[in-house]
């Protein structure tokens, strides 16, 4: 099934955002600005993965509305696994792995996925869809 221009745009935006996250989390630690507030990096991690899951869900929603719930949940699992892999990779860029960064990433994925599913469910009910 060919993708609409809306789907292509959403896919490109999602991939670009994911690449931006990868780049941001692999900048050597000496080049990352230090934040004076405690745990601000956890909020940043949460926000990055919240955005990733929302953008992914938006793409999935226009490609196949009939299976979107299942596919969004599968992608959420992929994002959580990727977040762990991303943390592990950071040791090779003169950064350190941080379990709590992964917890914040997972919280962002979980929250973003829950918001997306709730919005799609509400939208379906408003249109009278069965999904």
N, C-alpha and C. Protein backbone atom coordinates (compact mmCIF):
# COMPACT_ATOMS: atom_id res chain seq x y z
N UNK A 1 0.85 -1.18 0.00
CA UNK A 1 0.00 0.00 0.00
C UNK A 1 0.90 1.24 0.00
N UNK A 2 0.74 2.10 -1.00
CA UNK A 2 1.57 3.32 -1.03
C UNK A 2 1.18 4.26 0.11
N UNK A 3 2.19 4.94 0.63
CA UNK A 3 1.96 5.86 1.74
C UNK A 3 1.57 7.24 1.20
N UNK A 4 0.70 7.88 1.91
CA UNK A 4 0.30 9.23 1.55
C UNK A 4 1.43 10.20 1.85
N UNK A 5 1.31 11.41 1.36
CA UNK A 5 2.33 12.42 1.65
C UNK A 5 2.36 12.73 3.16
N UNK A 6 1.22 12.63 3.82
CA UNK A 6 1.18 12.84 5.27
C UNK A 6 1.99 11.77 5.98
N UNK A 7 1.83 10.53 5.55
CA UNK A 7 2.59 9.43 6.17
C UNK A 7 4.08 9.59 5.90
N UNK A 8 4.45 9.95 4.70
CA UNK A 8 5.88 10.13 4.38
C UNK A 8 6.48 11.25 5.22
N UNK A 9 5.75 12.35 5.38
CA UNK A 9 6.24 13.45 6.20
C UNK A 9 6.42 13.01 7.65
N UNK A 10 5.43 12.32 8.18
CA UNK A 10 5.50 11.87 9.57
C UNK A 10 6.64 10.88 9.77
N UNK A 11 6.85 9.99 8.80
CA UNK A 11 7.95 9.03 8.90
C UNK A 11 9.30 9.75 8.89
N UNK A 12 9.45 10.71 8.00
CA UNK A 12 10.72 11.46 7.92
C UNK A 12 10.97 12.25 9.20
N UNK A 13 9.93 12.87 9.73
CA UNK A 13 10.06 13.63 10.98
C UNK A 13 10.46 12.71 12.12
N UNK A 14 9.82 11.56 12.20
CA UNK A 14 10.10 10.57 13.25
C UNK A 14 11.55 10.08 13.15
N UNK A 15 12.00 9.73 11.96
CA UNK A 15 13.37 9.25 11.77
C UNK A 15 14.38 10.36 12.08
N UNK A 16 14.11 11.56 11.62
CA UNK A 16 15.01 12.69 11.90
C UNK A 16 15.12 12.94 13.41
N UNK A 17 14.00 12.88 14.10
CA UNK A 17 13.99 13.07 15.55
C UNK A 17 14.79 11.97 16.24
N UNK A 18 14.60 10.73 15.80
CA UNK A 18 15.32 9.60 16.39
C UNK A 18 16.82 9.76 16.17
N UNK A 19 17.23 10.18 14.98
CA UNK A 19 18.65 10.43 14.71
C UNK A 19 19.19 11.57 15.57
N UNK A 20 18.37 12.58 15.81
CA UNK A 20 18.77 13.69 16.68
C UNK A 20 19.00 13.20 18.10
N UNK A 21 18.13 12.33 18.59
CA UNK A 21 18.30 11.75 19.92
C UNK A 21 19.61 10.96 19.97
N UNK A 22 19.85 10.14 18.96
CA UNK A 22 21.08 9.36 18.93
C UNK A 22 22.30 10.28 18.99
N UNK A 23 22.29 11.31 18.16
CA UNK A 23 23.43 12.24 18.14
C UNK A 23 23.59 12.93 19.48
N UNK A 24 22.49 13.38 20.06
CA UNK A 24 22.55 14.11 21.33
C UNK A 24 23.07 13.24 22.47
N UNK A 25 22.74 11.97 22.45
CA UNK A 25 23.16 11.10 23.55
C UNK A 25 24.54 10.50 23.34
N UNK A 26 25.17 10.82 22.22
CA UNK A 26 26.50 10.27 21.96
C UNK A 26 27.57 11.34 21.80
N UNK A 27 27.24 12.56 22.15
CA UNK A 27 28.24 13.62 22.19
C UNK A 27 29.15 13.33 23.37
N UNK A 28 30.46 13.33 23.17
CA UNK A 28 31.37 13.07 24.31
C UNK A 28 31.07 13.98 25.49
N UNK A 29 31.19 13.44 26.69
CA UNK A 29 30.78 14.16 27.89
C UNK A 29 31.46 15.51 28.08
N UNK A 30 32.68 15.67 27.62
CA UNK A 30 33.37 16.94 27.76
C UNK A 30 32.75 18.06 26.93
N UNK A 31 31.94 17.68 25.95
CA UNK A 31 31.31 18.67 25.07
C UNK A 31 29.85 18.96 25.43
N UNK A 32 29.35 18.28 26.44
CA UNK A 32 27.97 18.48 26.88
C UNK A 32 27.95 19.54 27.97
N UNK A 33 27.12 20.58 27.81
CA UNK A 33 27.07 21.61 28.85
C UNK A 33 26.58 21.04 30.19
N UNK A 34 27.21 21.45 31.25
CA UNK A 34 26.82 21.00 32.59
C UNK A 34 25.64 21.81 33.07
N UNK A 35 24.66 21.12 33.63
CA UNK A 35 23.47 21.76 34.17
C UNK A 35 23.60 21.76 35.68
N UNK A 36 23.33 22.89 36.29
CA UNK A 36 23.52 23.01 37.73
C UNK A 36 22.40 22.38 38.55
N UNK A 37 21.25 22.23 37.97
CA UNK A 37 20.12 21.65 38.70
C UNK A 37 20.23 20.13 38.72
N UNK A 38 19.95 19.57 39.88
CA UNK A 38 20.03 18.12 40.03
C UNK A 38 18.89 17.43 39.27
N UNK A 39 19.19 16.39 38.57
CA UNK A 39 18.24 15.53 37.86
C UNK A 39 17.58 16.17 36.64
N UNK A 40 18.05 17.31 36.18
CA UNK A 40 17.48 17.91 34.97
C UNK A 40 17.68 16.98 33.78
N UNK A 41 18.79 16.25 33.76
CA UNK A 41 19.03 15.34 32.64
C UNK A 41 17.96 14.25 32.57
N UNK A 42 17.39 13.88 33.69
CA UNK A 42 16.33 12.86 33.69
C UNK A 42 15.07 13.41 33.02
N UNK A 43 14.79 14.67 33.24
CA UNK A 43 13.65 15.32 32.60
C UNK A 43 13.88 15.39 31.09
N UNK A 44 15.11 15.68 30.70
CA UNK A 44 15.46 15.72 29.28
C UNK A 44 15.30 14.34 28.65
N UNK A 45 15.79 13.32 29.32
CA UNK A 45 15.64 11.95 28.81
C UNK A 45 14.16 11.59 28.68
N UNK A 46 13.39 11.89 29.70
CA UNK A 46 11.94 11.61 29.66
C UNK A 46 11.32 12.31 28.44
N UNK A 47 11.62 13.57 28.26
CA UNK A 47 11.04 14.34 27.17
C UNK A 47 11.45 13.84 25.80
N UNK A 48 12.71 13.45 25.65
CA UNK A 48 13.18 12.95 24.35
C UNK A 48 12.40 11.69 23.95
N UNK A 49 12.24 10.78 24.87
CA UNK A 49 11.57 9.52 24.54
C UNK A 49 10.04 9.66 24.52
N UNK A 50 9.50 10.61 25.25
CA UNK A 50 8.08 10.93 25.13
C UNK A 50 7.81 11.40 23.70
N UNK A 51 8.64 12.31 23.22
CA UNK A 51 8.50 12.82 21.86
C UNK A 51 8.66 11.73 20.82
N UNK A 52 9.65 10.85 21.03
CA UNK A 52 9.88 9.76 20.08
C UNK A 52 8.65 8.86 19.97
N UNK A 53 8.05 8.53 21.09
CA UNK A 53 6.89 7.64 21.06
C UNK A 53 5.67 8.34 20.47
N UNK A 54 5.50 9.62 20.71
CA UNK A 54 4.38 10.36 20.11
C UNK A 54 4.55 10.43 18.59
N UNK A 55 5.75 10.79 18.14
CA UNK A 55 5.99 10.87 16.70
C UNK A 55 5.83 9.51 16.03
N UNK A 56 6.31 8.46 16.68
CA UNK A 56 6.13 7.12 16.13
C UNK A 56 4.67 6.74 16.04
N UNK A 57 3.91 7.04 17.07
CA UNK A 57 2.48 6.73 17.08
C UNK A 57 1.74 7.52 16.00
N UNK A 58 2.12 8.76 15.80
CA UNK A 58 1.48 9.58 14.76
C UNK A 58 1.71 8.98 13.37
N UNK A 59 2.92 8.46 13.15
CA UNK A 59 3.21 7.82 11.87
C UNK A 59 2.39 6.53 11.72
N UNK A 60 2.42 5.69 12.74
CA UNK A 60 1.69 4.43 12.69
C UNK A 60 0.20 4.66 12.46
N UNK A 61 -0.34 5.70 13.06
CA UNK A 61 -1.77 5.96 12.98
C UNK A 61 -2.25 6.22 11.56
N UNK A 62 -1.41 6.83 10.73
CA UNK A 62 -1.84 7.12 9.36
C UNK A 62 -1.50 6.01 8.39
N UNK A 63 -0.66 5.07 8.78
CA UNK A 63 -0.29 4.01 7.84
C UNK A 63 -1.27 2.85 7.86
N UNK A 64 -1.81 2.50 9.02
CA UNK A 64 -2.76 1.39 9.10
C UNK A 64 -3.61 1.54 10.35
N UNK A 65 -4.67 2.34 10.25
CA UNK A 65 -5.51 2.57 11.43
C UNK A 65 -6.09 1.31 12.07
N UNK A 66 -6.29 0.26 11.28
CA UNK A 66 -6.91 -0.96 11.81
C UNK A 66 -6.01 -1.68 12.82
N UNK A 67 -4.70 -1.59 12.65
CA UNK A 67 -3.78 -2.29 13.56
C UNK A 67 -2.92 -1.34 14.37
N UNK A 68 -3.31 -0.09 14.43
CA UNK A 68 -2.43 0.91 15.06
C UNK A 68 -2.14 0.64 16.53
N UNK A 69 -3.13 0.21 17.29
CA UNK A 69 -2.90 -0.03 18.72
C UNK A 69 -1.80 -1.08 18.92
N UNK A 70 -1.94 -2.20 18.24
CA UNK A 70 -0.95 -3.27 18.36
C UNK A 70 0.43 -2.78 17.91
N UNK A 71 0.49 -2.09 16.80
CA UNK A 71 1.77 -1.63 16.27
C UNK A 71 2.40 -0.55 17.16
N UNK A 72 1.58 0.31 17.74
CA UNK A 72 2.11 1.33 18.66
C UNK A 72 2.72 0.66 19.88
N UNK A 73 2.07 -0.37 20.40
CA UNK A 73 2.60 -1.09 21.56
C UNK A 73 3.90 -1.83 21.22
N UNK A 74 3.95 -2.40 20.02
CA UNK A 74 5.19 -3.05 19.59
C UNK A 74 6.32 -2.03 19.50
N UNK A 75 6.04 -0.88 18.89
CA UNK A 75 7.07 0.16 18.79
C UNK A 75 7.50 0.67 20.17
N UNK A 76 6.56 0.72 21.11
CA UNK A 76 6.94 1.14 22.47
C UNK A 76 7.98 0.18 23.04
N UNK A 77 7.79 -1.12 22.82
CA UNK A 77 8.77 -2.10 23.26
C UNK A 77 10.11 -1.90 22.57
N UNK A 78 10.08 -1.58 21.29
CA UNK A 78 11.31 -1.32 20.54
C UNK A 78 12.02 -0.10 21.13
N UNK A 79 11.27 0.94 21.46
CA UNK A 79 11.88 2.16 22.01
C UNK A 79 12.52 1.90 23.37
N UNK A 80 11.87 1.11 24.21
CA UNK A 80 12.44 0.79 25.53
C UNK A 80 13.74 -0.01 25.36
N UNK A 81 13.71 -0.98 24.44
CA UNK A 81 14.93 -1.75 24.18
C UNK A 81 16.02 -0.86 23.58
N UNK A 82 15.64 0.02 22.66
CA UNK A 82 16.61 0.94 22.07
C UNK A 82 17.22 1.85 23.15
N UNK A 83 16.39 2.31 24.07
CA UNK A 83 16.90 3.19 25.14
C UNK A 83 17.97 2.48 25.96
N UNK A 84 17.77 1.20 26.24
CA UNK A 84 18.78 0.43 26.98
C UNK A 84 20.05 0.29 26.14
N UNK A 85 19.89 0.00 24.86
CA UNK A 85 21.03 -0.12 23.95
C UNK A 85 21.77 1.21 23.85
N UNK A 86 21.02 2.29 23.76
CA UNK A 86 21.59 3.63 23.68
C UNK A 86 22.42 3.95 24.92
N UNK A 87 21.92 3.60 26.09
CA UNK A 87 22.68 3.81 27.32
C UNK A 87 23.96 2.98 27.31
N UNK A 88 23.86 1.74 26.88
CA UNK A 88 25.02 0.87 26.83
C UNK A 88 26.09 1.42 25.88
N UNK A 89 25.65 1.93 24.72
CA UNK A 89 26.59 2.47 23.74
C UNK A 89 27.36 3.68 24.24
N UNK A 90 26.79 4.41 25.17
CA UNK A 90 27.42 5.66 25.62
C UNK A 90 28.78 5.44 26.27
N UNK A 91 29.03 4.26 26.79
CA UNK A 91 30.34 3.99 27.39
C UNK A 91 31.46 4.08 26.37
N UNK A 92 31.13 3.96 25.10
CA UNK A 92 32.13 4.01 24.04
C UNK A 92 32.34 5.43 23.50
N UNK A 93 31.62 6.39 24.05
CA UNK A 93 31.75 7.79 23.62
C UNK A 93 32.21 8.67 24.78
N UNK A 94 32.92 8.07 25.72
CA UNK A 94 33.44 8.80 26.89
C UNK A 94 32.32 9.38 27.74
N UNK A 95 31.23 8.66 27.76
CA UNK A 95 30.12 8.97 28.66
C UNK A 95 29.92 7.74 29.52
N UNK A 96 28.94 7.79 30.38
CA UNK A 96 28.71 6.63 31.23
C UNK A 96 27.27 6.15 31.10
N UNK A 97 27.11 4.85 31.29
CA UNK A 97 25.77 4.28 31.32
C UNK A 97 25.12 4.72 32.64
N UNK A 98 23.84 4.96 32.58
CA UNK A 98 23.13 5.37 33.79
C UNK A 98 21.77 4.69 33.79
N UNK A 99 21.58 3.78 34.73
CA UNK A 99 20.32 3.06 34.85
C UNK A 99 19.15 4.03 34.97
N UNK A 100 19.33 5.11 35.72
CA UNK A 100 18.23 6.05 35.95
C UNK A 100 17.90 6.85 34.69
N UNK A 101 18.87 7.04 33.81
CA UNK A 101 18.55 7.64 32.51
C UNK A 101 17.62 6.71 31.74
N UNK A 102 17.91 5.40 31.78
CA UNK A 102 17.06 4.43 31.10
C UNK A 102 15.67 4.41 31.72
N UNK A 103 15.58 4.52 33.02
CA UNK A 103 14.27 4.57 33.70
C UNK A 103 13.50 5.80 33.21
N UNK A 104 14.18 6.93 33.10
CA UNK A 104 13.52 8.15 32.60
C UNK A 104 13.09 7.97 31.14
N UNK A 105 13.94 7.34 30.33
CA UNK A 105 13.59 7.05 28.94
C UNK A 105 12.33 6.18 28.87
N UNK A 106 12.31 5.14 29.69
CA UNK A 106 11.19 4.22 29.72
C UNK A 106 9.91 4.93 30.18
N UNK A 107 10.06 5.81 31.15
CA UNK A 107 8.90 6.61 31.59
C UNK A 107 8.37 7.49 30.47
N UNK A 108 9.27 8.07 29.69
CA UNK A 108 8.85 8.89 28.56
C UNK A 108 8.13 8.07 27.51
N UNK A 109 8.65 6.88 27.20
CA UNK A 109 8.00 5.99 26.23
C UNK A 109 6.63 5.58 26.73
N UNK A 110 6.56 5.17 27.99
CA UNK A 110 5.29 4.71 28.56
C UNK A 110 4.26 5.83 28.56
N UNK A 111 4.66 7.01 28.98
CA UNK A 111 3.73 8.14 29.03
C UNK A 111 3.31 8.58 27.63
N UNK A 112 4.27 8.66 26.71
CA UNK A 112 3.95 9.06 25.35
C UNK A 112 3.02 8.07 24.67
N UNK A 113 3.28 6.79 24.88
CA UNK A 113 2.44 5.74 24.31
C UNK A 113 1.03 5.80 24.90
N UNK A 114 0.95 5.97 26.21
CA UNK A 114 -0.37 6.05 26.86
C UNK A 114 -1.15 7.27 26.36
N UNK A 115 -0.48 8.39 26.22
CA UNK A 115 -1.15 9.60 25.69
C UNK A 115 -1.63 9.38 24.26
N UNK A 116 -0.76 8.81 23.43
CA UNK A 116 -1.14 8.58 22.04
C UNK A 116 -2.33 7.63 21.95
N UNK A 117 -2.30 6.54 22.68
CA UNK A 117 -3.41 5.59 22.64
C UNK A 117 -4.70 6.22 23.15
N UNK A 118 -4.60 7.03 24.19
CA UNK A 118 -5.79 7.70 24.72
C UNK A 118 -6.36 8.69 23.70
N UNK A 119 -5.48 9.43 23.03
CA UNK A 119 -5.95 10.39 22.02
C UNK A 119 -6.58 9.68 20.83
N UNK A 120 -5.98 8.59 20.39
CA UNK A 120 -6.54 7.86 19.25
C UNK A 120 -7.86 7.21 19.63
N UNK A 121 -7.95 6.71 20.84
CA UNK A 121 -9.20 6.10 21.29
C UNK A 121 -10.31 7.14 21.37
N UNK A 122 -9.98 8.30 21.92
CA UNK A 122 -10.95 9.40 22.00
C UNK A 122 -11.38 9.85 20.61
N UNK A 123 -10.40 9.95 19.71
CA UNK A 123 -10.70 10.36 18.34
C UNK A 123 -11.61 9.34 17.65
N UNK A 124 -11.33 8.04 17.87
CA UNK A 124 -12.15 6.98 17.28
C UNK A 124 -13.57 7.03 17.80
N UNK A 125 -13.71 7.27 19.08
CA UNK A 125 -15.06 7.34 19.67
C UNK A 125 -15.83 8.54 19.13
N UNK A 126 -15.12 9.66 18.96
CA UNK A 126 -15.79 10.86 18.45
C UNK A 126 -16.26 10.67 17.01
N UNK A 127 -15.55 9.84 16.24
CA UNK A 127 -15.94 9.57 14.85
C UNK A 127 -16.87 8.39 14.76
N UNK A 128 -17.03 7.62 15.84
CA UNK A 128 -17.88 6.45 15.83
C UNK A 128 -17.22 5.20 15.33
N UNK A 129 -15.89 5.18 15.27
CA UNK A 129 -15.15 3.99 14.84
C UNK A 129 -15.22 2.92 15.94
N UNK A 130 -15.04 1.70 15.54
CA UNK A 130 -15.05 0.59 16.51
C UNK A 130 -13.69 0.36 17.15
N UNK A 131 -12.60 0.89 16.56
CA UNK A 131 -11.26 0.60 17.09
C UNK A 131 -10.92 1.29 18.36
